Amino acid sequence: RVNPERLVFTYQGDGDLAAIGLAEIISAANRGENFTVIFANNQTYGMTGGQMAPTTLVGQKTTTSIYGRDPQTAGYPYRMCELISTLEAPVFVARYALNSPKGVADARKGIKKAFELQLAGKGFTFVELLTNCPTNWHMSPLQTIDYMNTNTIPYFKPGVYKDKEAEVK
């Protein structure tokens, strides 16, 4: 707010953004704060031991859900793009899957657009990146790509969920 001409962004994981910081991110999005959020969703607390995150898929095993996430006890995974896109203020909300060169290229374009909107003073932008976690998923990198294609992407569908600039045109 003090330096509106500055590029301001956060880079957050699913535990940070969708659990510990959920109230703060929703409030910032709802106010239309002029910054960009880059959200790395690998469905686990990847930096702290592989615990279940708010985005862990039903049936996905973690160190704290050794039999897999059970929606009866843990609820269902949060879909952050869908949730944030229901708010009035955000100007750009999109999800990209980093499972292929095309997905990486699309994500790059989405991040660039989010930064351009933020630098133009348009308001809150949110880019979710679906990514893998070979260590905590206990798979090879190639196996994690297959897992993403079969499980992650069907649940967390990539796409642009809100683009106020496109709506105006």
N, C-alpha and C. Protein backbone atom coordinates (compact mmCIF):
# COMPACT_ATOMS: atom_id res chain seq x y z
N ARG A 1 0.82 -1.20 0.00
CA ARG A 1 0.00 0.00 0.00
C ARG A 1 0.86 1.25 0.00
N VAL A 2 2.02 1.21 0.66
CA VAL A 2 2.90 2.37 0.74
C VAL A 2 3.60 2.61 -0.60
N ASN A 3 3.95 1.55 -1.31
CA ASN A 3 4.64 1.64 -2.60
C ASN A 3 3.84 0.89 -3.66
N PRO A 4 2.73 1.44 -4.12
CA PRO A 4 1.85 0.71 -5.04
C PRO A 4 2.49 0.39 -6.39
N GLU A 5 3.57 1.05 -6.74
CA GLU A 5 4.23 0.79 -8.01
C GLU A 5 5.15 -0.44 -7.95
N ARG A 6 5.34 -0.98 -6.79
CA ARG A 6 6.22 -2.13 -6.60
C ARG A 6 5.51 -3.44 -6.91
N LEU A 7 6.28 -4.38 -7.45
CA LEU A 7 5.77 -5.74 -7.65
C LEU A 7 5.80 -6.43 -6.29
N VAL A 8 4.65 -6.90 -5.85
CA VAL A 8 4.55 -7.58 -4.57
C VAL A 8 3.89 -8.94 -4.82
N PHE A 9 4.56 -9.99 -4.35
CA PHE A 9 3.97 -11.32 -4.49
C PHE A 9 4.33 -12.19 -3.31
N THR A 10 3.52 -13.20 -3.10
CA THR A 10 3.82 -14.23 -2.11
C THR A 10 3.99 -15.54 -2.86
N TYR A 11 4.78 -16.43 -2.31
CA TYR A 11 4.93 -17.78 -2.84
C TYR A 11 4.64 -18.69 -1.66
N GLN A 12 3.52 -19.41 -1.73
CA GLN A 12 3.07 -20.17 -0.58
C GLN A 12 2.70 -21.60 -0.96
N GLY A 13 2.95 -22.50 -0.04
CA GLY A 13 2.55 -23.88 -0.21
C GLY A 13 1.15 -24.11 0.30
N ASP A 14 0.65 -25.32 0.09
CA ASP A 14 -0.73 -25.62 0.45
C ASP A 14 -0.96 -25.62 1.96
N GLY A 15 0.03 -26.01 2.74
CA GLY A 15 -0.14 -25.96 4.19
C GLY A 15 -0.21 -24.52 4.68
N ASP A 16 0.70 -23.71 4.20
CA ASP A 16 0.74 -22.30 4.58
C ASP A 16 -0.51 -21.57 4.14
N LEU A 17 -0.85 -21.67 2.88
CA LEU A 17 -1.95 -20.88 2.32
C LEU A 17 -3.32 -21.43 2.71
N ALA A 18 -3.52 -22.72 2.58
CA ALA A 18 -4.86 -23.30 2.75
C ALA A 18 -5.15 -23.75 4.18
N ALA A 19 -4.17 -23.67 5.06
CA ALA A 19 -4.40 -24.04 6.46
C ALA A 19 -4.06 -22.86 7.36
N ILE A 20 -2.79 -22.71 7.65
CA ILE A 20 -2.33 -21.70 8.59
C ILE A 20 -2.74 -20.29 8.16
N GLY A 21 -2.66 -20.00 6.87
CA GLY A 21 -2.96 -18.66 6.38
C GLY A 21 -4.28 -18.51 5.66
N LEU A 22 -5.20 -19.44 5.83
CA LEU A 22 -6.46 -19.40 5.09
C LEU A 22 -7.25 -18.12 5.35
N ALA A 23 -7.43 -17.74 6.59
CA ALA A 23 -8.20 -16.53 6.90
C ALA A 23 -7.55 -15.30 6.28
N GLU A 24 -6.23 -15.23 6.34
CA GLU A 24 -5.52 -14.07 5.82
C GLU A 24 -5.61 -13.98 4.31
N ILE A 25 -5.49 -15.11 3.62
CA ILE A 25 -5.51 -15.07 2.15
C ILE A 25 -6.92 -14.75 1.66
N ILE A 26 -7.93 -15.31 2.31
CA ILE A 26 -9.31 -15.02 1.92
C ILE A 26 -9.61 -13.54 2.17
N SER A 27 -9.18 -13.03 3.30
CA SER A 27 -9.42 -11.62 3.61
C SER A 27 -8.71 -10.69 2.63
N ALA A 28 -7.46 -10.99 2.31
CA ALA A 28 -6.72 -10.17 1.34
C ALA A 28 -7.38 -10.22 -0.03
N ALA A 29 -7.82 -11.41 -0.44
CA ALA A 29 -8.50 -11.56 -1.73
C ALA A 29 -9.82 -10.80 -1.73
N ASN A 30 -10.55 -10.89 -0.65
CA ASN A 30 -11.85 -10.24 -0.55
C ASN A 30 -11.73 -8.71 -0.55
N ARG A 31 -10.62 -8.19 0.00
CA ARG A 31 -10.38 -6.75 -0.02
C ARG A 31 -9.82 -6.30 -1.37
N GLY A 32 -9.35 -7.25 -2.17
CA GLY A 32 -8.75 -6.89 -3.46
C GLY A 32 -7.38 -6.26 -3.31
N GLU A 33 -6.63 -6.70 -2.31
CA GLU A 33 -5.28 -6.17 -2.11
C GLU A 33 -4.49 -6.31 -3.40
N ASN A 34 -3.68 -5.33 -3.68
CA ASN A 34 -2.95 -5.29 -4.94
C ASN A 34 -1.63 -6.05 -4.84
N PHE A 35 -1.75 -7.38 -4.78
CA PHE A 35 -0.56 -8.23 -4.86
C PHE A 35 -0.92 -9.55 -5.51
N THR A 36 0.12 -10.28 -5.86
CA THR A 36 -0.03 -11.56 -6.55
C THR A 36 0.33 -12.70 -5.61
N VAL A 37 -0.48 -13.75 -5.63
CA VAL A 37 -0.21 -14.95 -4.86
C VAL A 37 0.14 -16.08 -5.83
N ILE A 38 1.30 -16.68 -5.61
CA ILE A 38 1.70 -17.89 -6.34
C ILE A 38 1.56 -19.03 -5.33
N PHE A 39 0.66 -19.95 -5.62
CA PHE A 39 0.30 -21.02 -4.69
C PHE A 39 0.78 -22.36 -5.22
N ALA A 40 1.75 -22.97 -4.56
CA ALA A 40 2.28 -24.28 -4.94
C ALA A 40 1.48 -25.37 -4.23
N ASN A 41 0.73 -26.14 -4.99
CA ASN A 41 -0.13 -27.19 -4.44
C ASN A 41 0.45 -28.56 -4.81
N ASN A 42 1.09 -29.19 -3.82
CA ASN A 42 1.59 -30.56 -4.02
C ASN A 42 0.89 -31.55 -3.10
N GLN A 43 -0.22 -31.13 -2.52
CA GLN A 43 -1.09 -31.95 -1.69
C GLN A 43 -0.43 -32.52 -0.43
N THR A 44 0.62 -31.87 0.06
CA THR A 44 1.28 -32.34 1.27
C THR A 44 2.06 -31.20 1.91
N TYR A 45 2.32 -31.33 3.17
CA TYR A 45 3.26 -30.41 3.83
C TYR A 45 4.65 -30.91 3.46
N GLY A 46 5.15 -30.48 2.34
CA GLY A 46 6.38 -31.02 1.79
C GLY A 46 7.64 -30.64 2.53
N MET A 47 7.64 -29.49 3.20
CA MET A 47 8.86 -29.02 3.85
C MET A 47 8.97 -29.48 5.31
N THR A 48 7.92 -30.05 5.85
CA THR A 48 7.94 -30.37 7.28
C THR A 48 7.64 -31.83 7.58
N GLY A 49 7.76 -32.70 6.60
CA GLY A 49 7.63 -34.12 6.90
C GLY A 49 6.54 -34.88 6.18
N GLY A 50 5.82 -34.24 5.29
CA GLY A 50 4.85 -34.96 4.48
C GLY A 50 3.51 -35.23 5.15
N GLN A 51 3.10 -34.34 6.06
CA GLN A 51 1.81 -34.51 6.71
C GLN A 51 0.67 -34.18 5.75
N MET A 52 -0.54 -34.61 6.12
CA MET A 52 -1.72 -34.30 5.33
C MET A 52 -1.93 -32.79 5.32
N ALA A 53 -2.22 -32.26 4.14
CA ALA A 53 -2.49 -30.83 3.96
C ALA A 53 -3.96 -30.66 3.64
N PRO A 54 -4.45 -29.43 3.64
CA PRO A 54 -5.85 -29.21 3.27
C PRO A 54 -6.17 -29.63 1.83
N THR A 55 -5.14 -29.80 1.02
CA THR A 55 -5.33 -30.18 -0.38
C THR A 55 -5.02 -31.66 -0.65
N THR A 56 -4.64 -32.41 0.37
CA THR A 56 -4.38 -33.84 0.19
C THR A 56 -5.64 -34.50 -0.36
N LEU A 57 -5.46 -35.30 -1.39
CA LEU A 57 -6.59 -35.96 -2.04
C LEU A 57 -7.18 -37.08 -1.19
N VAL A 58 -8.46 -37.36 -1.38
CA VAL A 58 -9.10 -38.47 -0.69
C VAL A 58 -8.35 -39.75 -1.07
N GLY A 59 -7.97 -40.52 -0.05
CA GLY A 59 -7.24 -41.76 -0.26
C GLY A 59 -5.73 -41.59 -0.33
N GLN A 60 -5.25 -40.37 -0.50
CA GLN A 60 -3.80 -40.13 -0.60
C GLN A 60 -3.16 -40.32 0.78
N LYS A 61 -2.08 -41.09 0.81
CA LYS A 61 -1.39 -41.40 2.07
C LYS A 61 -0.36 -40.33 2.39
N THR A 62 -0.28 -39.99 3.67
CA THR A 62 0.71 -39.05 4.17
C THR A 62 1.22 -39.59 5.51
N THR A 63 2.16 -38.89 6.12
CA THR A 63 2.66 -39.35 7.41
C THR A 63 1.61 -39.26 8.52
N THR A 64 0.61 -38.42 8.34
CA THR A 64 -0.45 -38.31 9.34
C THR A 64 -1.78 -38.92 8.88
N SER A 65 -1.78 -39.48 7.69
CA SER A 65 -2.96 -40.22 7.20
C SER A 65 -2.44 -41.48 6.50
N ILE A 66 -1.93 -42.39 7.32
CA ILE A 66 -1.22 -43.55 6.78
C ILE A 66 -2.11 -44.50 5.98
N TYR A 67 -3.41 -44.42 6.16
CA TYR A 67 -4.34 -45.24 5.38
C TYR A 67 -4.98 -44.44 4.26
N GLY A 68 -4.59 -43.20 4.13
CA GLY A 68 -5.15 -42.32 3.12
C GLY A 68 -6.15 -41.36 3.74
N ARG A 69 -6.29 -40.19 3.12
CA ARG A 69 -7.24 -39.20 3.62
C ARG A 69 -8.64 -39.77 3.59
N ASP A 70 -9.32 -39.67 4.73
CA ASP A 70 -10.69 -40.16 4.86
C ASP A 70 -11.60 -38.94 5.00
N PRO A 71 -12.50 -38.72 4.06
CA PRO A 71 -13.37 -37.54 4.14
C PRO A 71 -14.31 -37.57 5.34
N GLN A 72 -14.55 -38.75 5.91
CA GLN A 72 -15.43 -38.84 7.09
C GLN A 72 -14.79 -38.17 8.30
N THR A 73 -13.46 -38.21 8.37
CA THR A 73 -12.77 -37.64 9.52
C THR A 73 -12.00 -36.37 9.18
N ALA A 74 -11.55 -36.23 7.96
CA ALA A 74 -10.70 -35.09 7.59
C ALA A 74 -11.37 -34.14 6.61
N GLY A 75 -12.56 -34.45 6.16
CA GLY A 75 -13.21 -33.62 5.16
C GLY A 75 -12.58 -33.82 3.79
N TYR A 76 -12.97 -32.98 2.86
CA TYR A 76 -12.50 -33.09 1.48
C TYR A 76 -11.41 -32.05 1.22
N PRO A 77 -10.61 -32.28 0.19
CA PRO A 77 -9.56 -31.31 -0.14
C PRO A 77 -10.14 -29.96 -0.57
N TYR A 78 -9.50 -28.89 -0.14
CA TYR A 78 -9.90 -27.55 -0.55
C TYR A 78 -9.51 -27.33 -2.01
N ARG A 79 -10.39 -26.71 -2.74
CA ARG A 79 -10.10 -26.25 -4.11
C ARG A 79 -10.00 -24.73 -4.03
N MET A 80 -8.77 -24.24 -3.90
CA MET A 80 -8.57 -22.82 -3.62
C MET A 80 -8.96 -21.91 -4.77
N CYS A 81 -8.70 -22.28 -6.01
CA CYS A 81 -9.10 -21.42 -7.13
C CYS A 81 -10.62 -21.24 -7.15
N GLU A 82 -11.33 -22.32 -6.96
CA GLU A 82 -12.78 -22.25 -6.97
C GLU A 82 -13.28 -21.38 -5.82
N LEU A 83 -12.68 -21.53 -4.66
CA LEU A 83 -13.08 -20.75 -3.49
C LEU A 83 -12.80 -19.26 -3.69
N ILE A 84 -11.60 -18.92 -4.09
CA ILE A 84 -11.22 -17.51 -4.26
C ILE A 84 -11.97 -16.86 -5.41
N SER A 85 -12.26 -17.62 -6.44
CA SER A 85 -12.96 -17.02 -7.60
C SER A 85 -14.40 -16.64 -7.29
N THR A 86 -14.96 -17.14 -6.19
CA THR A 86 -16.32 -16.75 -5.82
C THR A 86 -16.37 -15.36 -5.18
N LEU A 87 -15.22 -14.85 -4.78
CA LEU A 87 -15.17 -13.52 -4.16
C LEU A 87 -15.24 -12.45 -5.25
N GLU A 88 -15.79 -11.32 -4.93
CA GLU A 88 -15.99 -10.25 -5.91
C GLU A 88 -14.68 -9.59 -6.34
N ALA A 89 -13.78 -9.33 -5.41
CA ALA A 89 -12.63 -8.47 -5.67
C ALA A 89 -11.50 -9.04 -6.53
N PRO A 90 -11.14 -10.31 -6.42
CA PRO A 90 -10.00 -10.78 -7.22
C PRO A 90 -10.19 -10.54 -8.71
N VAL A 91 -9.11 -10.15 -9.39
CA VAL A 91 -9.21 -9.85 -10.82
C VAL A 91 -8.73 -10.99 -11.70
N PHE A 92 -7.87 -11.87 -11.18
CA PHE A 92 -7.38 -12.99 -11.98
C PHE A 92 -7.11 -14.16 -11.05
N VAL A 93 -7.73 -15.30 -11.37
CA VAL A 93 -7.57 -16.53 -10.59
C VAL A 93 -7.41 -17.67 -11.60
N ALA A 94 -6.28 -18.39 -11.51
CA ALA A 94 -6.03 -19.46 -12.47
C ALA A 94 -5.22 -20.58 -11.84
N ARG A 95 -5.36 -21.78 -12.42
CA ARG A 95 -4.63 -22.96 -11.97
C ARG A 95 -3.94 -23.59 -13.17
N TYR A 96 -2.68 -23.96 -12.97
CA TYR A 96 -1.89 -24.60 -14.01
C TYR A 96 -1.22 -25.85 -13.45
N ALA A 97 -1.07 -26.86 -14.28
CA ALA A 97 -0.43 -28.11 -13.88
C ALA A 97 0.98 -28.15 -14.45
N LEU A 98 1.96 -28.37 -13.58
CA LEU A 98 3.36 -28.42 -14.00
C LEU A 98 3.78 -29.86 -14.28
N ASN A 99 2.99 -30.52 -15.09
CA ASN A 99 3.24 -31.93 -15.40
C ASN A 99 3.80 -32.15 -16.81
N SER A 100 4.01 -31.06 -17.55
CA SER A 100 4.49 -31.17 -18.93
C SER A 100 5.11 -29.84 -19.34
N PRO A 101 5.90 -29.84 -20.40
CA PRO A 101 6.44 -28.56 -20.89
C PRO A 101 5.33 -27.56 -21.24
N LYS A 102 4.23 -28.02 -21.84
CA LYS A 102 3.11 -27.13 -22.15
C LYS A 102 2.52 -26.54 -20.88
N GLY A 103 2.36 -27.36 -19.85
CA GLY A 103 1.84 -26.87 -18.58
C GLY A 103 2.73 -25.80 -17.96
N VAL A 104 4.04 -26.01 -18.05
CA VAL A 104 5.00 -25.02 -17.53
C VAL A 104 4.90 -23.73 -18.34
N ALA A 105 4.81 -23.84 -19.66
CA ALA A 105 4.69 -22.65 -20.51
C ALA A 105 3.39 -21.89 -20.22
N ASP A 106 2.28 -22.62 -20.05
CA ASP A 106 1.01 -21.98 -19.71
C ASP A 106 1.10 -21.27 -18.36
N ALA A 107 1.75 -21.92 -17.39
CA ALA A 107 1.92 -21.32 -16.06
C ALA A 107 2.73 -20.04 -16.15
N ARG A 108 3.76 -20.07 -16.94
CA ARG A 108 4.59 -18.87 -17.11
C ARG A 108 3.75 -17.70 -17.65
N LYS A 109 2.91 -17.98 -18.64
CA LYS A 109 2.03 -16.94 -19.19
C LYS A 109 1.05 -16.44 -18.14
N GLY A 110 0.50 -17.36 -17.36
CA GLY A 110 -0.44 -16.97 -16.32
C GLY A 110 0.20 -16.12 -15.24
N ILE A 111 1.40 -16.48 -14.84
CA ILE A 111 2.12 -15.70 -13.83
C ILE A 111 2.45 -14.31 -14.39
N LYS A 112 2.87 -14.26 -15.64
CA LYS A 112 3.17 -12.97 -16.26
C LYS A 112 1.92 -12.08 -16.27
N LYS A 113 0.79 -12.66 -16.64
CA LYS A 113 -0.46 -11.89 -16.67
C LYS A 113 -0.81 -11.39 -15.27
N ALA A 114 -0.68 -12.27 -14.27
CA ALA A 114 -0.98 -11.88 -12.89
C ALA A 114 -0.10 -10.72 -12.45
N PHE A 115 1.19 -10.79 -12.77
CA PHE A 115 2.11 -9.70 -12.41
C PHE A 115 1.75 -8.41 -13.15
N GLU A 116 1.41 -8.52 -14.42
CA GLU A 116 1.05 -7.32 -15.20
C GLU A 116 -0.20 -6.65 -14.62
N LEU A 117 -1.20 -7.44 -14.25
CA LEU A 117 -2.41 -6.88 -13.66
C LEU A 117 -2.11 -6.21 -12.32
N GLN A 118 -1.29 -6.87 -11.52
CA GLN A 118 -0.92 -6.31 -10.22
C GLN A 118 -0.13 -5.01 -10.41
N LEU A 119 0.82 -4.98 -11.32
CA LEU A 119 1.61 -3.77 -11.57
C LEU A 119 0.76 -2.63 -12.13
N ALA A 120 -0.31 -2.98 -12.82
CA ALA A 120 -1.23 -1.96 -13.36
C ALA A 120 -2.22 -1.47 -12.28
N GLY A 121 -2.09 -1.99 -11.07
CA GLY A 121 -2.94 -1.55 -9.98
C GLY A 121 -4.35 -2.11 -10.02
N LYS A 122 -4.54 -3.22 -10.73
CA LYS A 122 -5.89 -3.79 -10.90
C LYS A 122 -6.38 -4.53 -9.66
N GLY A 123 -5.45 -5.04 -8.85
CA GLY A 123 -5.89 -5.72 -7.63
C GLY A 123 -5.30 -7.10 -7.45
N PHE A 124 -6.01 -7.91 -6.69
CA PHE A 124 -5.55 -9.22 -6.24
C PHE A 124 -5.53 -10.24 -7.38
N THR A 125 -4.40 -10.92 -7.55
CA THR A 125 -4.28 -11.99 -8.54
C THR A 125 -3.76 -13.25 -7.84
N PHE A 126 -4.22 -14.40 -8.33
CA PHE A 126 -3.94 -15.68 -7.68
C PHE A 126 -3.63 -16.73 -8.74
N VAL A 127 -2.46 -17.35 -8.64
CA VAL A 127 -2.06 -18.40 -9.58
C VAL A 127 -1.69 -19.64 -8.78
N GLU A 128 -2.44 -20.71 -9.00
CA GLU A 128 -2.17 -21.99 -8.36
C GLU A 128 -1.37 -22.87 -9.31
N LEU A 129 -0.32 -23.48 -8.78
CA LEU A 129 0.53 -24.37 -9.55
C LEU A 129 0.43 -25.78 -8.97
N LEU A 130 -0.09 -26.70 -9.74
CA LEU A 130 -0.13 -28.10 -9.33
C LEU A 130 1.24 -28.68 -9.57
N THR A 131 1.82 -29.22 -8.52
CA THR A 131 3.17 -29.75 -8.64
C THR A 131 3.26 -31.08 -7.91
N ASN A 132 4.36 -31.75 -8.12
CA ASN A 132 4.56 -33.07 -7.51
C ASN A 132 5.45 -32.96 -6.28
N CYS A 133 5.61 -34.08 -5.59
CA CYS A 133 6.50 -34.17 -4.44
C CYS A 133 7.02 -35.59 -4.33
N PRO A 134 8.03 -35.93 -5.15
CA PRO A 134 8.52 -37.31 -5.16
C PRO A 134 8.92 -37.83 -3.78
N THR A 135 9.55 -37.00 -2.97
CA THR A 135 10.00 -37.44 -1.65
C THR A 135 8.84 -37.87 -0.77
N ASN A 136 7.85 -37.01 -0.60
CA ASN A 136 6.76 -37.32 0.32
C ASN A 136 5.67 -38.18 -0.30
N TRP A 137 5.63 -38.25 -1.61
CA TRP A 137 4.69 -39.17 -2.25
C TRP A 137 5.30 -40.57 -2.35
N HIS A 138 6.59 -40.69 -2.03
CA HIS A 138 7.32 -41.97 -2.07
C HIS A 138 7.25 -42.61 -3.46
N MET A 139 7.53 -41.76 -4.47
CA MET A 139 7.50 -42.20 -5.87
C MET A 139 8.69 -41.60 -6.60
N SER A 140 9.00 -42.20 -7.73
CA SER A 140 10.01 -41.60 -8.61
C SER A 140 9.38 -40.36 -9.26
N PRO A 141 10.21 -39.45 -9.76
CA PRO A 141 9.64 -38.28 -10.45
C PRO A 141 8.68 -38.67 -11.58
N LEU A 142 9.02 -39.71 -12.36
CA LEU A 142 8.13 -40.12 -13.44
C LEU A 142 6.81 -40.68 -12.91
N GLN A 143 6.87 -41.41 -11.82
CA GLN A 143 5.64 -41.93 -11.21
C GLN A 143 4.75 -40.79 -10.72
N THR A 144 5.37 -39.71 -10.22
CA THR A 144 4.56 -38.60 -9.73
C THR A 144 3.83 -37.90 -10.87
N ILE A 145 4.43 -37.88 -12.05
CA ILE A 145 3.73 -37.28 -13.21
C ILE A 145 2.51 -38.13 -13.55
N ASP A 146 2.66 -39.44 -13.54
CA ASP A 146 1.51 -40.32 -13.77
C ASP A 146 0.44 -40.10 -12.71
N TYR A 147 0.86 -39.98 -11.46
CA TYR A 147 -0.09 -39.74 -10.37
C TYR A 147 -0.83 -38.42 -10.58
N MET A 148 -0.09 -37.40 -10.96
CA MET A 148 -0.74 -36.10 -11.23
C MET A 148 -1.77 -36.24 -12.34
N ASN A 149 -1.40 -36.90 -13.43
CA ASN A 149 -2.32 -37.05 -14.57
C ASN A 149 -3.57 -37.85 -14.20
N THR A 150 -3.41 -38.86 -13.37
CA THR A 150 -4.51 -39.76 -13.01
C THR A 150 -5.36 -39.24 -11.85
N ASN A 151 -4.73 -38.56 -10.90
CA ASN A 151 -5.43 -38.20 -9.67
C ASN A 151 -5.54 -36.69 -9.43
N THR A 152 -4.40 -36.01 -9.47
CA THR A 152 -4.38 -34.59 -9.12
C THR A 152 -5.18 -33.74 -10.11
N ILE A 153 -4.87 -33.88 -11.38
CA ILE A 153 -5.47 -33.02 -12.40
C ILE A 153 -6.99 -33.24 -12.55
N PRO A 154 -7.48 -34.47 -12.47
CA PRO A 154 -8.94 -34.63 -12.54
C PRO A 154 -9.68 -33.94 -11.37
N TYR A 155 -9.05 -33.86 -10.20
CA TYR A 155 -9.70 -33.22 -9.05
C TYR A 155 -9.50 -31.71 -9.07
N PHE A 156 -8.27 -31.28 -9.31
CA PHE A 156 -7.93 -29.87 -9.38
C PHE A 156 -7.79 -29.49 -10.85
N LYS A 157 -8.88 -29.20 -11.50
CA LYS A 157 -8.86 -28.96 -12.95
C LYS A 157 -8.15 -27.65 -13.29
N PRO A 158 -7.11 -27.74 -14.14
CA PRO A 158 -6.43 -26.51 -14.58
C PRO A 158 -7.37 -25.62 -15.39
N GLY A 159 -7.10 -24.33 -15.34
CA GLY A 159 -7.87 -23.39 -16.13
C GLY A 159 -7.91 -22.02 -15.48
N VAL A 160 -8.48 -21.08 -16.20
CA VAL A 160 -8.67 -19.73 -15.68
C VAL A 160 -10.06 -19.70 -15.04
N TYR A 161 -10.10 -19.40 -13.77
CA TYR A 161 -11.34 -19.40 -13.02
C TYR A 161 -11.98 -18.02 -12.94
N LYS A 162 -11.19 -16.99 -13.10
CA LYS A 162 -11.70 -15.63 -13.11
C LYS A 162 -10.70 -14.75 -13.83
N ASP A 163 -11.21 -13.93 -14.73
CA ASP A 163 -10.37 -12.98 -15.45
C ASP A 163 -11.23 -11.76 -15.76
N LYS A 164 -11.21 -10.81 -14.85
CA LYS A 164 -12.06 -9.62 -15.01
C LYS A 164 -11.68 -8.81 -16.25
N GLU A 165 -10.41 -8.84 -16.64
CA GLU A 165 -9.98 -8.11 -17.84
C GLU A 165 -10.63 -8.71 -19.08
N ALA A 166 -10.70 -10.03 -19.16
CA ALA A 166 -11.32 -10.70 -20.30
C ALA A 166 -12.84 -10.47 -20.31
N GLU A 167 -13.44 -10.37 -19.12
CA GLU A 167 -14.89 -10.15 -19.03
C GLU A 167 -15.28 -8.78 -19.58
N VAL A 168 -14.38 -7.81 -19.45
CA VAL A 168 -14.66 -6.44 -19.89
C VAL A 168 -14.61 -6.32 -21.41
N LYS A 169 -13.73 -7.11 -22.03
CA LYS A 169 -13.52 -7.01 -23.48
C LYS A 169 -14.67 -7.55 -24.27
